[in-house]
Protein backbone atom coordinates (compact mmCIF):
# COMPACT_ATOMS: atom_id res chain seq x y z
CA MET A 1 17.80 -16.26 22.06
CA SER A 2 14.72 -16.37 19.87
CA ARG A 3 14.31 -19.18 17.35
CA LEU A 4 14.12 -16.39 14.77
CA GLY A 5 17.63 -15.27 15.60
CA PRO A 6 18.96 -12.30 17.53
CA ASP A 7 17.03 -9.72 15.50
CA LYS A 8 13.67 -11.52 15.98
CA HIS A 9 12.51 -10.57 12.49
CA ARG A 10 10.77 -12.72 9.95
CA ARG A 11 10.68 -12.10 6.19
CA HIS A 12 7.24 -11.29 4.76
CA GLY A 13 5.37 -14.53 4.08
CA GLU A 14 7.81 -16.71 6.04
CA VAL A 15 6.14 -19.48 8.01
CA PRO A 16 7.59 -20.63 11.34
CA ASP A 17 8.73 -24.24 11.14
CA ASP A 18 7.72 -25.32 14.62
CA GLY A 19 5.05 -27.84 13.57
CA GLY A 20 2.82 -26.51 16.32
CA CYS A 21 -0.61 -24.94 16.28
CA HIS A 22 0.77 -21.51 15.35
CA SER A 23 1.96 -22.73 11.96
CA ALA A 24 -1.62 -22.69 10.67
CA LEU A 25 -1.93 -18.99 11.52
CA TRP A 26 0.77 -17.89 9.07
CA SER A 27 -0.04 -17.29 5.42
CA THR A 28 2.22 -18.83 2.82
CA THR A 29 1.06 -16.35 0.16
CA VAL A 30 3.77 -13.95 -0.96
CA THR A 31 2.67 -10.65 -2.48
CA THR A 32 4.78 -9.34 -5.34
CA ILE A 33 5.64 -5.67 -5.08
CA ARG A 34 6.85 -3.92 -8.23
CA LEU A 35 7.62 -0.48 -9.57
CA ALA A 36 4.42 1.18 -10.74
CA THR A 37 3.92 2.04 -14.38
CA LEU A 38 1.99 4.96 -15.81
CA ASP A 39 -0.86 2.50 -16.47
CA ASP A 40 -1.13 2.03 -12.67
CA VAL A 41 -1.64 5.76 -11.95
CA PRO A 42 -5.47 5.83 -12.12
CA ARG A 43 -5.77 2.73 -9.88
CA LEU A 44 -3.29 4.14 -7.37
CA ALA A 45 -5.12 7.46 -7.33
CA ARG A 46 -8.44 5.71 -6.61
CA SER A 47 -6.84 3.68 -3.81
CA ALA A 48 -5.22 6.74 -2.22
CA THR A 49 -8.44 8.74 -2.53
CA ARG A 50 -10.34 6.02 -0.65
CA ALA A 51 -7.53 5.53 1.88
CA PHE A 52 -7.40 9.22 2.84
CA ALA A 53 -11.14 9.95 2.71
CA ASP A 54 -11.23 10.49 6.50
CA ASP A 55 -7.82 12.11 6.83
CA PRO A 56 -8.18 15.44 8.68
CA VAL A 57 -5.67 17.29 6.49
CA MET A 58 -7.19 16.09 3.21
CA ARG A 59 -10.66 16.94 4.48
CA TRP A 60 -9.45 20.40 5.45
CA PHE A 61 -8.38 20.88 1.82
CA PHE A 62 -11.62 19.33 0.52
CA PRO A 63 -14.38 19.62 3.18
CA ASP A 64 -17.16 18.88 0.68
CA ASP A 65 -17.57 15.16 -0.15
CA ASP A 66 -18.36 15.75 -3.81
CA ASP A 67 -15.42 18.12 -4.20
CA TYR A 68 -13.10 15.60 -2.53
CA GLU A 69 -14.25 12.74 -4.77
CA GLN A 70 -13.86 14.82 -7.93
CA THR A 71 -10.74 16.87 -7.18
CA ASN A 72 -8.56 14.72 -4.93
CA PRO A 73 -7.98 11.98 -7.56
CA MET A 74 -6.57 14.62 -9.94
CA LEU A 75 -4.22 15.87 -7.21
CA VAL A 76 -3.11 12.34 -6.35
CA GLN A 77 -2.58 11.45 -10.03
CA PHE A 78 -0.32 14.49 -10.37
CA MET A 79 1.71 13.43 -7.32
CA VAL A 80 1.93 9.79 -8.44
CA ARG A 81 3.18 10.83 -11.90
CA ARG A 82 5.88 12.98 -10.25
CA TRP A 83 6.93 10.09 -8.00
CA HIS A 84 6.86 7.73 -10.99
CA ALA A 85 9.36 9.98 -12.76
CA THR A 86 11.86 9.24 -9.96
CA ASP A 87 11.03 5.51 -9.65
CA SER A 88 9.49 6.19 -6.23
CA VAL A 89 6.08 4.48 -6.65
CA TRP A 90 5.60 0.82 -5.89
CA CYS A 91 2.44 -1.25 -6.10
CA THR A 92 0.95 -4.72 -6.22
CA ASP A 93 -1.24 -6.28 -8.89
CA ASP A 94 -4.12 -7.12 -6.56
CA GLY A 95 -5.82 -3.72 -6.73
């Protein structure tokens, strides 16, 4: 049986307590995840626009770089606002 238990899973940010060399490889920083607010929408739209810049489907919709950079954020903001209305958007504060 694993020292982590039968499911062999570790919670995010949990550090193994083996005192060995692997302990230094684990981060003790815990990221807080929260429901997004309407104030987060522009930041989330910018992040999603950058994240999907090379996505084949998004580039099929917007093959021109300038068109993608101008139009896609508006599309993403619309989607994020819809998801926000159903408490379906989560984010962190670190940008």
